[in-house]
Amino acid sequence: MTPTFPIIELVDRYTIALLKHNKTKLNQDELTFYKDQINNYDMTQIDTELQDLYFVHSQIWNLESQLKSGTEQDLELSEIGRRAIEIRNWNQKRIELKNHIAEKLGCTIREIKHEHLSQ
């Protein structure tokens, strides 16, 4: 049985998988898994939002890349802090986009952060 995700999670995971595939070409099965589910929706309604969500994930990817590669010791603490704040800000945009997509597609599930760093 194929799991079903709320649209906000499906589009999020799909755009991350698409970005990962475009960067590494190592996750075709993952991308196909999400693409098969996303094809059940009329994506033309949210084409712009999907592109925006992909852009947000690419910004986060770029900011996290040096931190994840084990070379963070080459960065000043102030740069690590600056990136953390910028990642937080991009994540807030990500949540807003996901909830806007849910609204456009008539999904009642929303992502809500309460007293969270992404606010």
PDB file of N, CA and C in Angstrom:
ATOM      1  N   MET A   1       0.828  -1.177   0.000  1.00  0.00           N
ATOM      2  CA  MET A   1       0.000   0.000   0.000  1.00  0.00           C
ATOM      3  C   MET A   1       0.883   1.255   0.000  1.00  0.00           C
ATOM      4  N   THR A   2       0.604   2.170  -0.905  1.00  0.00           N
ATOM      5  CA  THR A   2       1.361   3.403  -0.991  1.00  0.00           C
ATOM      6  C   THR A   2       0.862   4.389   0.054  1.00  0.00           C
ATOM      7  N   PRO A   3       1.774   4.905   0.873  1.00  0.00           N
ATOM      8  CA  PRO A   3       1.340   5.890   1.861  1.00  0.00           C
ATOM      9  C   PRO A   3       0.815   7.145   1.169  1.00  0.00           C
ATOM     10  N   THR A   4      -0.115   7.790   1.798  1.00  0.00           N
ATOM     11  CA  THR A   4      -0.580   9.066   1.276  1.00  0.00           C
ATOM     12  C   THR A   4      -0.156  10.157   2.244  1.00  0.00           C
ATOM     13  N   PHE A   5       0.218  11.246   1.698  1.00  0.00           N
ATOM     14  CA  PHE A   5       0.678  12.380   2.479  1.00  0.00           C
ATOM     15  C   PHE A   5      -0.294  13.531   2.287  1.00  0.00           C
ATOM     16  N   PRO A   6      -0.440  14.387   3.288  1.00  0.00           N
ATOM     17  CA  PRO A   6      -1.156  15.636   3.044  1.00  0.00           C
ATOM     18  C   PRO A   6      -0.397  16.391   1.944  1.00  0.00           C
ATOM     19  N   ILE A   7      -1.094  17.148   1.147  1.00  0.00           N
ATOM     20  CA  ILE A   7      -0.463  17.827   0.021  1.00  0.00           C
ATOM     21  C   ILE A   7       0.716  18.687   0.455  1.00  0.00           C
ATOM     22  N   ILE A   8       0.638  19.296   1.644  1.00  0.00           N
ATOM     23  CA  ILE A   8       1.752  20.141   2.080  1.00  0.00           C
ATOM     24  C   ILE A   8       3.036  19.337   2.275  1.00  0.00           C
ATOM     25  N   GLU A   9       2.901  18.105   2.724  1.00  0.00           N
ATOM     26  CA  GLU A   9       4.086  17.255   2.898  1.00  0.00           C
ATOM     27  C   GLU A   9       4.532  16.657   1.574  1.00  0.00           C
ATOM     28  N   LEU A  10       3.574  16.299   0.748  1.00  0.00           N
ATOM     29  CA  LEU A  10       3.899  15.708  -0.549  1.00  0.00           C
ATOM     30  C   LEU A  10       4.679  16.684  -1.421  1.00  0.00           C
ATOM     31  N   VAL A  11       4.211  17.921  -1.537  1.00  0.00           N
ATOM     32  CA  VAL A  11       4.928  18.882  -2.383  1.00  0.00           C
ATOM     33  C   VAL A  11       6.291  19.217  -1.786  1.00  0.00           C
ATOM     34  N   ASP A  12       6.376  19.249  -0.466  1.00  0.00           N
ATOM     35  CA  ASP A  12       7.652  19.523   0.186  1.00  0.00           C
ATOM     36  C   ASP A  12       8.651  18.411  -0.109  1.00  0.00           C
ATOM     37  N   ARG A  13       8.244  17.187   0.118  1.00  0.00           N
ATOM     38  CA  ARG A  13       9.135  16.047  -0.117  1.00  0.00           C
ATOM     39  C   ARG A  13       9.479  15.898  -1.601  1.00  0.00           C
ATOM     40  N   TYR A  14       8.492  16.165  -2.456  1.00  0.00           N
ATOM     41  CA  TYR A  14       8.738  16.076  -3.900  1.00  0.00           C
ATOM     42  C   TYR A  14       9.786  17.095  -4.337  1.00  0.00           C
ATOM     43  N   THR A  15       9.656  18.351  -3.906  1.00  0.00           N
ATOM     44  CA  THR A  15      10.621  19.364  -4.338  1.00  0.00           C
ATOM     45  C   THR A  15      12.009  19.098  -3.765  1.00  0.00           C
ATOM     46  N   ILE A  16      12.085  18.560  -2.557  1.00  0.00           N
ATOM     47  CA  ILE A  16      13.390  18.180  -2.000  1.00  0.00           C
ATOM     48  C   ILE A  16      13.990  17.039  -2.818  1.00  0.00           C
ATOM     49  N   ALA A  17      13.178  16.036  -3.141  1.00  0.00           N
ATOM     50  CA  ALA A  17      13.671  14.905  -3.932  1.00  0.00           C
ATOM     51  C   ALA A  17      14.107  15.354  -5.326  1.00  0.00           C
ATOM     52  N   LEU A  18      13.359  16.278  -5.920  1.00  0.00           N
ATOM     53  CA  LEU A  18      13.720  16.801  -7.239  1.00  0.00           C
ATOM     54  C   LEU A  18      15.047  17.552  -7.177  1.00  0.00           C
ATOM     55  N   LEU A  19      15.215  18.382  -6.162  1.00  0.00           N
ATOM     56  CA  LEU A  19      16.474  19.108  -5.989  1.00  0.00           C
ATOM     57  C   LEU A  19      17.636  18.139  -5.781  1.00  0.00           C
ATOM     58  N   LYS A  20      17.426  17.165  -4.913  1.00  0.00           N
ATOM     59  CA  LYS A  20      18.470  16.170  -4.646  1.00  0.00           C
ATOM     60  C   LYS A  20      18.843  15.425  -5.927  1.00  0.00           C
ATOM     61  N   HIS A  21      17.831  15.071  -6.714  1.00  0.00           N
ATOM     62  CA  HIS A  21      18.083  14.370  -7.973  1.00  0.00           C
ATOM     63  C   HIS A  21      18.850  15.266  -8.944  1.00  0.00           C
ATOM     64  N   ASN A  22      18.470  16.516  -9.031  1.00  0.00           N
ATOM     65  CA  ASN A  22      19.171  17.440  -9.926  1.00  0.00           C
ATOM     66  C   ASN A  22      20.616  17.669  -9.500  1.00  0.00           C
ATOM     67  N   LYS A  23      20.877  17.585  -8.200  1.00  0.00           N
ATOM     68  CA  LYS A  23      22.237  17.789  -7.688  1.00  0.00           C
ATOM     69  C   LYS A  23      23.082  16.521  -7.733  1.00  0.00           C
ATOM     70  N   THR A  24      22.459  15.358  -7.463  1.00  0.00           N
ATOM     71  CA  THR A  24      23.260  14.140  -7.271  1.00  0.00           C
ATOM     72  C   THR A  24      22.939  12.994  -8.217  1.00  0.00           C
ATOM     73  N   LYS A  25      21.736  12.966  -8.768  1.00  0.00           N
ATOM     74  CA  LYS A  25      21.256  11.864  -9.620  1.00  0.00           C
ATOM     75  C   LYS A  25      21.221  10.519  -8.874  1.00  0.00           C
ATOM     76  N   LEU A  26      21.188  10.548  -7.552  1.00  0.00           N
ATOM     77  CA  LEU A  26      21.290   9.327  -6.751  1.00  0.00           C
ATOM     78  C   LEU A  26      19.971   8.841  -6.165  1.00  0.00           C
ATOM     79  N   ASN A  27      18.861   9.477  -6.464  1.00  0.00           N
ATOM     80  CA  ASN A  27      17.624   9.132  -5.762  1.00  0.00           C
ATOM     81  C   ASN A  27      16.427   8.982  -6.708  1.00  0.00           C
ATOM     82  N   GLN A  28      16.639   8.340  -7.834  1.00  0.00           N
ATOM     83  CA  GLN A  28      15.560   8.210  -8.811  1.00  0.00           C
ATOM     84  C   GLN A  28      14.333   7.510  -8.232  1.00  0.00           C
ATOM     85  N   ASP A  29      14.530   6.462  -7.443  1.00  0.00           N
ATOM     86  CA  ASP A  29      13.387   5.754  -6.853  1.00  0.00           C
ATOM     87  C   ASP A  29      12.573   6.669  -5.940  1.00  0.00           C
ATOM     88  N   GLU A  30      13.247   7.464  -5.137  1.00  0.00           N
ATOM     89  CA  GLU A  30      12.569   8.397  -4.243  1.00  0.00           C
ATOM     90  C   GLU A  30      11.777   9.427  -5.052  1.00  0.00           C
ATOM     91  N   LEU A  31      12.414   9.983  -6.067  1.00  0.00           N
ATOM     92  CA  LEU A  31      11.746  10.983  -6.903  1.00  0.00           C
ATOM     93  C   LEU A  31      10.525  10.384  -7.595  1.00  0.00           C
ATOM     94  N   THR A  32      10.655   9.194  -8.130  1.00  0.00           N
ATOM     95  CA  THR A  32       9.535   8.528  -8.796  1.00  0.00           C
ATOM     96  C   THR A  32       8.397   8.266  -7.818  1.00  0.00           C
ATOM     97  N   PHE A  33       8.727   7.862  -6.600  1.00  0.00           N
ATOM     98  CA  PHE A  33       7.732   7.611  -5.565  1.00  0.00           C
ATOM     99  C   PHE A  33       6.861   8.840  -5.333  1.00  0.00           C
ATOM    100  N   TYR A  34       7.491   9.992  -5.154  1.00  0.00           N
ATOM    101  CA  TYR A  34       6.733  11.222  -4.914  1.00  0.00           C
ATOM    102  C   TYR A  34       6.048  11.722  -6.185  1.00  0.00           C
ATOM    103  N   LYS A  35       6.716  11.600  -7.312  1.00  0.00           N
ATOM    104  CA  LYS A  35       6.132  12.062  -8.571  1.00  0.00           C
ATOM    105  C   LYS A  35       4.860  11.281  -8.892  1.00  0.00           C
ATOM    106  N   ASP A  36       4.858   9.984  -8.637  1.00  0.00           N
ATOM    107  CA  ASP A  36       3.667   9.168  -8.886  1.00  0.00           C
ATOM    108  C   ASP A  36       2.483   9.662  -8.058  1.00  0.00           C
ATOM    109  N   GLN A  37       2.735  10.079  -6.831  1.00  0.00           N
ATOM    110  CA  GLN A  37       1.660  10.582  -5.974  1.00  0.00           C
ATOM    111  C   GLN A  37       1.231  11.991  -6.363  1.00  0.00           C
ATOM    112  N   ILE A  38       2.190  12.800  -6.727  1.00  0.00           N
ATOM    113  CA  ILE A  38       1.867  14.186  -7.063  1.00  0.00           C
ATOM    114  C   ILE A  38       1.066  14.262  -8.362  1.00  0.00           C
ATOM    115  N   ASN A  39       1.210  13.257  -9.207  1.00  0.00           N
ATOM    116  CA  ASN A  39       0.455  13.223 -10.462  1.00  0.00           C
ATOM    117  C   ASN A  39      -1.040  13.031 -10.238  1.00  0.00           C
ATOM    118  N   ASN A  40      -1.449  12.725  -9.013  1.00  0.00           N
ATOM    119  CA  ASN A  40      -2.874  12.608  -8.689  1.00  0.00           C
ATOM    120  C   ASN A  40      -3.536  13.973  -8.506  1.00  0.00           C
ATOM    121  N   TYR A  41      -2.748  15.028  -8.548  1.00  0.00           N
ATOM    122  CA  TYR A  41      -3.256  16.388  -8.350  1.00  0.00           C
ATOM    123  C   TYR A  41      -3.068  17.197  -9.628  1.00  0.00           C
ATOM    124  N   ASP A  42      -3.848  18.241  -9.766  1.00  0.00           N
ATOM    125  CA  ASP A  42      -3.689  19.171 -10.872  1.00  0.00           C
ATOM    126  C   ASP A  42      -2.616  20.181 -10.474  1.00  0.00           C
ATOM    127  N   MET A  43      -1.399  19.898 -10.847  1.00  0.00           N
ATOM    128  CA  MET A  43      -0.272  20.734 -10.448  1.00  0.00           C
ATOM    129  C   MET A  43      -0.243  22.064 -11.181  1.00  0.00           C
ATOM    130  N   THR A  44      -1.022  22.196 -12.250  1.00  0.00           N
ATOM    131  CA  THR A  44      -1.041  23.486 -12.955  1.00  0.00           C
ATOM    132  C   THR A  44      -1.569  24.590 -12.053  1.00  0.00           C
ATOM    133  N   GLN A  45      -2.376  24.244 -11.075  1.00  0.00           N
ATOM    134  CA  GLN A  45      -2.918  25.238 -10.135  1.00  0.00           C
ATOM    135  C   GLN A  45      -1.828  25.841  -9.243  1.00  0.00           C
ATOM    136  N   ILE A  46      -0.757  25.073  -9.039  1.00  0.00           N
ATOM    137  CA  ILE A  46       0.276  25.519  -8.091  1.00  0.00           C
ATOM    138  C   ILE A  46       1.668  25.528  -8.716  1.00  0.00           C
ATOM    139  N   ASP A  47       1.728  25.652 -10.029  1.00  0.00           N
ATOM    140  CA  ASP A  47       3.017  25.608 -10.720  1.00  0.00           C
ATOM    141  C   ASP A  47       3.991  26.656 -10.172  1.00  0.00           C
ATOM    142  N   THR A  48       3.518  27.879 -10.010  1.00  0.00           N
ATOM    143  CA  THR A  48       4.386  28.946  -9.496  1.00  0.00           C
ATOM    144  C   THR A  48       4.854  28.632  -8.079  1.00  0.00           C
ATOM    145  N   GLU A  49       3.939  28.160  -7.248  1.00  0.00           N
ATOM    146  CA  GLU A  49       4.293  27.851  -5.865  1.00  0.00           C
ATOM    147  C   GLU A  49       5.297  26.698  -5.789  1.00  0.00           C
ATOM    148  N   LEU A  50       5.152  25.708  -6.681  1.00  0.00           N
ATOM    149  CA  LEU A  50       6.127  24.605  -6.713  1.00  0.00           C
ATOM    150  C   LEU A  50       7.508  25.119  -7.096  1.00  0.00           C
ATOM    151  N   GLN A  51       7.555  26.005  -8.072  1.00  0.00           N
ATOM    152  CA  GLN A  51       8.838  26.595  -8.461  1.00  0.00           C
ATOM    153  C   GLN A  51       9.430  27.404  -7.308  1.00  0.00           C
ATOM    154  N   ASP A  52       8.584  28.147  -6.615  1.00  0.00           N
ATOM    155  CA  ASP A  52       9.055  28.924  -5.465  1.00  0.00           C
ATOM    156  C   ASP A  52       9.554  28.012  -4.348  1.00  0.00           C
ATOM    157  N   LEU A  53       8.842  26.918  -4.102  1.00  0.00           N
ATOM    158  CA  LEU A  53       9.252  25.971  -3.061  1.00  0.00           C
ATOM    159  C   LEU A  53      10.583  25.325  -3.427  1.00  0.00           C
ATOM    160  N   TYR A  54      10.755  24.975  -4.688  1.00  0.00           N
ATOM    161  CA  TYR A  54      12.027  24.423  -5.157  1.00  0.00           C
ATOM    162  C   TYR A  54      13.148  25.441  -4.921  1.00  0.00           C
ATOM    163  N   PHE A  55      12.893  26.701  -5.237  1.00  0.00           N
ATOM    164  CA  PHE A  55      13.889  27.754  -5.033  1.00  0.00           C
ATOM    165  C   PHE A  55      14.252  27.874  -3.546  1.00  0.00           C
ATOM    166  N   VAL A  56      13.267  27.850  -2.674  1.00  0.00           N
ATOM    167  CA  VAL A  56      13.522  27.931  -1.233  1.00  0.00           C
ATOM    168  C   VAL A  56      14.412  26.768  -0.795  1.00  0.00           C
ATOM    169  N   HIS A  57      14.078  25.561  -1.257  1.00  0.00           N
ATOM    170  CA  HIS A  57      14.901  24.399  -0.879  1.00  0.00           C
ATOM    171  C   HIS A  57      16.318  24.513  -1.433  1.00  0.00           C
ATOM    172  N   SER A  58      16.469  25.086  -2.620  1.00  0.00           N
ATOM    173  CA  SER A  58      17.816  25.242  -3.178  1.00  0.00           C
ATOM    174  C   SER A  58      18.628  26.246  -2.361  1.00  0.00           C
ATOM    175  N   GLN A  59      17.976  27.283  -1.852  1.00  0.00           N
ATOM    176  CA  GLN A  59      18.673  28.244  -0.996  1.00  0.00           C
ATOM    177  C   GLN A  59      19.121  27.576   0.300  1.00  0.00           C
ATOM    178  N   ILE A  60      18.237  26.796   0.899  1.00  0.00           N
ATOM    179  CA  ILE A  60      18.581  26.075   2.130  1.00  0.00           C
ATOM    180  C   ILE A  60      19.711  25.083   1.858  1.00  0.00           C
ATOM    181  N   TRP A  61      19.619  24.358   0.751  1.00  0.00           N
ATOM    182  CA  TRP A  61      20.660  23.397   0.367  1.00  0.00           C
ATOM    183  C   TRP A  61      22.012  24.100   0.302  1.00  0.00           C
ATOM    184  N   ASN A  62      22.057  25.244  -0.377  1.00  0.00           N
ATOM    185  CA  ASN A  62      23.310  25.973  -0.528  1.00  0.00           C
ATOM    186  C   ASN A  62      23.852  26.457   0.817  1.00  0.00           C
ATOM    187  N   LEU A  63      22.984  26.934   1.672  1.00  0.00           N
ATOM    188  CA  LEU A  63      23.427  27.410   2.980  1.00  0.00           C
ATOM    189  C   LEU A  63      23.923  26.270   3.868  1.00  0.00           C
ATOM    190  N   GLU A  64      23.321  25.096   3.735  1.00  0.00           N
ATOM    191  CA  GLU A  64      23.681  23.957   4.584  1.00  0.00           C
ATOM    192  C   GLU A  64      24.836  23.143   4.026  1.00  0.00           C
ATOM    193  N   SER A  65      25.161  23.300   2.762  1.00  0.00           N
ATOM    194  CA  SER A  65      26.114  22.399   2.106  1.00  0.00           C
ATOM    195  C   SER A  65      27.459  22.322   2.823  1.00  0.00           C
ATOM    196  N   GLN A  66      28.039  23.444   3.162  1.00  0.00           N
ATOM    197  CA  GLN A  66      29.340  23.420   3.830  1.00  0.00           C
ATOM    198  C   GLN A  66      29.214  22.899   5.254  1.00  0.00           C
ATOM    199  N   LEU A  67      28.076  23.151   5.887  1.00  0.00           N
ATOM    200  CA  LEU A  67      27.875  22.647   7.243  1.00  0.00           C
ATOM    201  C   LEU A  67      27.747  21.131   7.236  1.00  0.00           C
ATOM    202  N   LYS A  68      27.107  20.580   6.207  1.00  0.00           N
ATOM    203  CA  LYS A  68      26.891  19.136   6.128  1.00  0.00           C
ATOM    204  C   LYS A  68      28.109  18.387   5.608  1.00  0.00           C
ATOM    205  N   SER A  69      28.990  19.075   4.930  1.00  0.00           N
ATOM    206  CA  SER A  69      30.130  18.394   4.302  1.00  0.00           C
ATOM    207  C   SER A  69      31.283  18.154   5.264  1.00  0.00           C
ATOM    208  N   GLY A  70      31.144  18.628   6.490  1.00  0.00           N
ATOM    209  CA  GLY A  70      32.209  18.414   7.469  1.00  0.00           C
ATOM    210  C   GLY A  70      33.287  19.473   7.405  1.00  0.00           C
ATOM    211  N   THR A  71      33.049  20.536   6.644  1.00  0.00           N
ATOM    212  CA  THR A  71      34.053  21.597   6.554  1.00  0.00           C
ATOM    213  C   THR A  71      33.620  22.850   7.301  1.00  0.00           C
ATOM    214  N   GLU A  72      32.673  22.688   8.213  1.00  0.00           N
ATOM    215  CA  GLU A  72      32.192  23.854   8.955  1.00  0.00           C
ATOM    216  C   GLU A  72      33.290  24.484   9.813  1.00  0.00           C
ATOM    217  N   GLN A  73      34.337  23.712  10.132  1.00  0.00           N
ATOM    218  CA  GLN A  73      35.430  24.276  10.921  1.00  0.00           C
ATOM    219  C   GLN A  73      36.167  25.368  10.149  1.00  0.00           C
ATOM    220  N   ASP A  74      35.967  25.419   8.836  1.00  0.00           N
ATOM    221  CA  ASP A  74      36.570  26.467   8.015  1.00  0.00           C
ATOM    222  C   ASP A  74      35.780  27.776   8.101  1.00  0.00           C
ATOM    223  N   LEU A  75      34.619  27.738   8.731  1.00  0.00           N
ATOM    224  CA  LEU A  75      33.766  28.922   8.834  1.00  0.00           C
ATOM    225  C   LEU A  75      33.923  29.584  10.199  1.00  0.00           C
ATOM    226  N   GLU A  76      33.851  30.895  10.218  1.00  0.00           N
ATOM    227  CA  GLU A  76      33.817  31.636  11.464  1.00  0.00           C
ATOM    228  C   GLU A  76      32.480  31.355  12.157  1.00  0.00           C
ATOM    229  N   LEU A  77      32.464  31.412  13.481  1.00  0.00           N
ATOM    230  CA  LEU A  77      31.226  31.215  14.221  1.00  0.00           C
ATOM    231  C   LEU A  77      30.155  32.225  13.798  1.00  0.00           C
ATOM    232  N   SER A  78      30.571  33.427  13.491  1.00  0.00           N
ATOM    233  CA  SER A  78      29.606  34.441  13.055  1.00  0.00           C
ATOM    234  C   SER A  78      28.953  34.031  11.731  1.00  0.00           C
ATOM    235  N   GLU A  79      29.716  33.381  10.852  1.00  0.00           N
ATOM    236  CA  GLU A  79      29.160  32.917   9.570  1.00  0.00           C
ATOM    237  C   GLU A  79      28.186  31.759   9.797  1.00  0.00           C
ATOM    238  N   ILE A  80      28.515  30.876  10.717  1.00  0.00           N
ATOM    239  CA  ILE A  80      27.605  29.775  11.037  1.00  0.00           C
ATOM    240  C   ILE A  80      26.306  30.343  11.611  1.00  0.00           C
ATOM    241  N   GLY A  81      26.413  31.315  12.485  1.00  0.00           N
ATOM    242  CA  GLY A  81      25.227  31.960  13.052  1.00  0.00           C
ATOM    243  C   GLY A  81      24.412  32.678  11.995  1.00  0.00           C
ATOM    244  N   ARG A  82      25.076  33.375  11.088  1.00  0.00           N
ATOM    245  CA  ARG A  82      24.386  34.077  10.011  1.00  0.00           C
ATOM    246  C   ARG A  82      23.617  33.089   9.143  1.00  0.00           C
ATOM    247  N   ARG A  83      24.259  31.971   8.827  1.00  0.00           N
ATOM    248  CA  ARG A  83      23.587  30.954   8.015  1.00  0.00           C
ATOM    249  C   ARG A  83      22.394  30.352   8.751  1.00  0.00           C
ATOM    250  N   ALA A  84      22.539  30.111  10.042  1.00  0.00           N
ATOM    251  CA  ALA A  84      21.429  29.556  10.823  1.00  0.00           C
ATOM    252  C   ALA A  84      20.224  30.483  10.781  1.00  0.00           C
ATOM    253  N   ILE A  85      20.463  31.771  10.906  1.00  0.00           N
ATOM    254  CA  ILE A  85      19.359  32.736  10.845  1.00  0.00           C
ATOM    255  C   ILE A  85      18.753  32.764   9.448  1.00  0.00           C
ATOM    256  N   GLU A  86      19.586  32.730   8.431  1.00  0.00           N
ATOM    257  CA  GLU A  86      19.078  32.745   7.060  1.00  0.00           C
ATOM    258  C   GLU A  86      18.279  31.461   6.757  1.00  0.00           C
ATOM    259  N   ILE A  87      18.756  30.316   7.241  1.00  0.00           N
ATOM    260  CA  ILE A  87      18.022  29.056   7.074  1.00  0.00           C
ATOM    261  C   ILE A  87      16.675  29.151   7.781  1.00  0.00           C
ATOM    262  N   ARG A  88      16.652  29.706   8.978  1.00  0.00           N
ATOM    263  CA  ARG A  88      15.395  29.911   9.703  1.00  0.00           C
ATOM    264  C   ARG A  88      14.428  30.748   8.880  1.00  0.00           C
ATOM    265  N   ASN A  89      14.927  31.823   8.287  1.00  0.00           N
ATOM    266  CA  ASN A  89      14.075  32.700   7.493  1.00  0.00           C
ATOM    267  C   ASN A  89      13.548  31.991   6.240  1.00  0.00           C
ATOM    268  N   TRP A  90      14.389  31.219   5.578  1.00  0.00           N
ATOM    269  CA  TRP A  90      13.934  30.458   4.408  1.00  0.00           C
ATOM    270  C   TRP A  90      12.905  29.413   4.818  1.00  0.00           C
ATOM    271  N   ASN A  91      13.094  28.795   5.979  1.00  0.00           N
ATOM    272  CA  ASN A  91      12.122  27.802   6.448  1.00  0.00           C
ATOM    273  C   ASN A  91      10.760  28.434   6.726  1.00  0.00           C
ATOM    274  N   GLN A  92      10.760  29.668   7.189  1.00  0.00           N
ATOM    275  CA  GLN A  92       9.484  30.366   7.387  1.00  0.00           C
ATOM    276  C   GLN A  92       8.786  30.574   6.048  1.00  0.00           C
ATOM    277  N   LYS A  93       9.539  30.942   5.025  1.00  0.00           N
ATOM    278  CA  LYS A  93       8.957  31.098   3.686  1.00  0.00           C
ATOM    279  C   LYS A  93       8.436  29.752   3.178  1.00  0.00           C
ATOM    280  N   ARG A  94       9.172  28.695   3.484  1.00  0.00           N
ATOM    281  CA  ARG A  94       8.763  27.338   3.093  1.00  0.00           C
ATOM    282  C   ARG A  94       7.408  26.988   3.705  1.00  0.00           C
ATOM    283  N   ILE A  95       7.237  27.246   4.980  1.00  0.00           N
ATOM    284  CA  ILE A  95       5.972  26.958   5.664  1.00  0.00           C
ATOM    285  C   ILE A  95       4.839  27.776   5.050  1.00  0.00           C
ATOM    286  N   GLU A  96       5.100  29.042   4.801  1.00  0.00           N
ATOM    287  CA  GLU A  96       4.072  29.898   4.181  1.00  0.00           C
ATOM    288  C   GLU A  96       3.660  29.356   2.813  1.00  0.00           C
ATOM    289  N   LEU A  97       4.624  28.946   2.013  1.00  0.00           N
ATOM    290  CA  LEU A  97       4.319  28.394   0.689  1.00  0.00           C
ATOM    291  C   LEU A  97       3.517  27.103   0.790  1.00  0.00           C
ATOM    292  N   LYS A  98       3.922  26.223   1.683  1.00  0.00           N
ATOM    293  CA  LYS A  98       3.202  24.959   1.853  1.00  0.00           C
ATOM    294  C   LYS A  98       1.752  25.211   2.247  1.00  0.00           C
ATOM    295  N   ASN A  99       1.537  26.127   3.161  1.00  0.00           N
ATOM    296  CA  ASN A  99       0.173  26.421   3.594  1.00  0.00           C
ATOM    297  C   ASN A  99      -0.632  27.113   2.504  1.00  0.00           C
ATOM    298  N   HIS A 100       0.016  27.930   1.703  1.00  0.00           N
ATOM    299  CA  HIS A 100      -0.666  28.564   0.569  1.00  0.00           C
ATOM    300  C   HIS A 100      -1.082  27.508  -0.462  1.00  0.00           C
ATOM    301  N   ILE A 101      -0.215  26.545  -0.693  1.00  0.00           N
ATOM    302  CA  ILE A 101      -0.533  25.441  -1.610  1.00  0.00           C
ATOM    303  C   ILE A 101      -1.738  24.665  -1.085  1.00  0.00           C
ATOM    304  N   ALA A 102      -1.723  24.361   0.201  1.00  0.00           N
ATOM    305  CA  ALA A 102      -2.855  23.637   0.804  1.00  0.00           C
ATOM    306  C   ALA A 102      -4.153  24.407   0.602  1.00  0.00           C
ATOM    307  N   GLU A 103      -4.100  25.705   0.818  1.00  0.00           N
ATOM    308  CA  GLU A 103      -5.291  26.542   0.655  1.00  0.00           C
ATOM    309  C   GLU A 103      -5.784  26.502  -0.799  1.00  0.00           C
ATOM    310  N   LYS A 104      -4.865  26.652  -1.755  1.00  0.00           N
ATOM    311  CA  LYS A 104      -5.257  26.657  -3.167  1.00  0.00           C
ATOM    312  C   LYS A 104      -5.868  25.334  -3.599  1.00  0.00           C
ATOM    313  N   LEU A 105      -5.379  24.221  -3.014  1.00  0.00           N
ATOM    314  CA  LEU A 105      -5.859  22.898  -3.411  1.00  0.00           C
ATOM    315  C   LEU A 105      -6.971  22.374  -2.509  1.00  0.00           C
ATOM    316  N   GLY A 106      -7.408  23.197  -1.559  1.00  0.00           N
ATOM    317  CA  GLY A 106      -8.524  22.810  -0.713  1.00  0.00           C
ATOM    318  C   GLY A 106      -8.201  21.784   0.353  1.00  0.00           C
ATOM    319  N   CYS A 107      -6.946  21.712   0.761  1.00  0.00           N
ATOM    320  CA  CYS A 107      -6.532  20.790   1.825  1.00  0.00           C
ATOM    321  C   CYS A 107      -6.628  21.526   3.161  1.00  0.00           C
ATOM    322  N   THR A 108      -7.242  20.910   4.143  1.00  0.00           N
ATOM    323  CA  THR A 108      -7.430  21.565   5.442  1.00  0.00           C
ATOM    324  C   THR A 108      -6.218  21.443   6.369  1.00  0.00           C
ATOM    325  N   ILE A 109      -5.289  20.572   6.043  1.00  0.00           N
ATOM    326  CA  ILE A 109      -4.116  20.378   6.902  1.00  0.00           C
ATOM    327  C   ILE A 109      -3.109  21.485   6.625  1.00  0.00           C
ATOM    328  N   ARG A 110      -2.678  22.133   7.694  1.00  0.00           N
ATOM    329  CA  ARG A 110      -1.698  23.218   7.608  1.00  0.00           C
ATOM    330  C   ARG A 110      -0.536  22.906   8.543  1.00  0.00           C
ATOM    331  N   GLU A 111       0.609  23.455   8.215  1.00  0.00           N
ATOM    332  CA  GLU A 111       1.752  23.346   9.118  1.00  0.00           C
ATOM    333  C   GLU A 111       1.727  24.563  10.027  1.00  0.00           C
ATOM    334  N   ILE A 112       1.733  24.306  11.312  1.00  0.00           N
ATOM    335  CA  ILE A 112       1.685  25.378  12.294  1.00  0.00           C
ATOM    336  C   ILE A 112       2.873  25.224  13.224  1.00  0.00           C
ATOM    337  N   LYS A 113       3.615  26.291  13.356  1.00  0.00           N
ATOM    338  CA  LYS A 113       4.742  26.322  14.294  1.00  0.00           C
ATOM    339  C   LYS A 113       4.365  27.276  15.411  1.00  0.00           C
ATOM    340  N   HIS A 114       4.478  26.822  16.635  1.00  0.00           N
ATOM    341  CA  HIS A 114       4.153  27.645  17.799  1.00  0.00           C
ATOM    342  C   HIS A 114       5.406  27.788  18.651  1.00  0.00           C
ATOM    343  N   GLU A 115       5.804  29.011  18.887  1.00  0.00           N
ATOM    344  CA  GLU A 115       7.013  29.286  19.655  1.00  0.00           C
ATOM    345  C   GLU A 115       8.190  28.484  19.094  1.00  0.00           C
ATOM    346  N   HIS A 116       8.379  28.605  17.783  1.00  0.00           N
ATOM    347  CA  HIS A 116       9.396  27.848  17.071  1.00  0.00           C
ATOM    348  C   HIS A 116      10.383  28.824  16.445  1.00  0.00           C
ATOM    349  N   LEU A 117      11.607  28.396  16.279  1.00  0.00           N
ATOM    350  CA  LEU A 117      12.625  29.258  15.721  1.00  0.00           C
ATOM    351  C   LEU A 117      12.295  29.736  14.314  1.00  0.00           C
ATOM    352  N   SER A 118      11.462  28.986  13.579  1.00  0.00           N
ATOM    353  CA  SER A 118      11.147  29.392  12.211  1.00  0.00           C
ATOM    354  C   SER A 118      10.140  30.527  12.153  1.00  0.00           C
ATOM    355  N   GLN A 119       9.633  30.972  13.308  1.00  0.00           N
ATOM    356  CA  GLN A 119       8.649  32.070  13.322  1.00  0.00           C
ATOM    357  C   GLN A 119       9.333  33.405  13.296  1.00  0.00           C
TER     358      GLN A 119
END
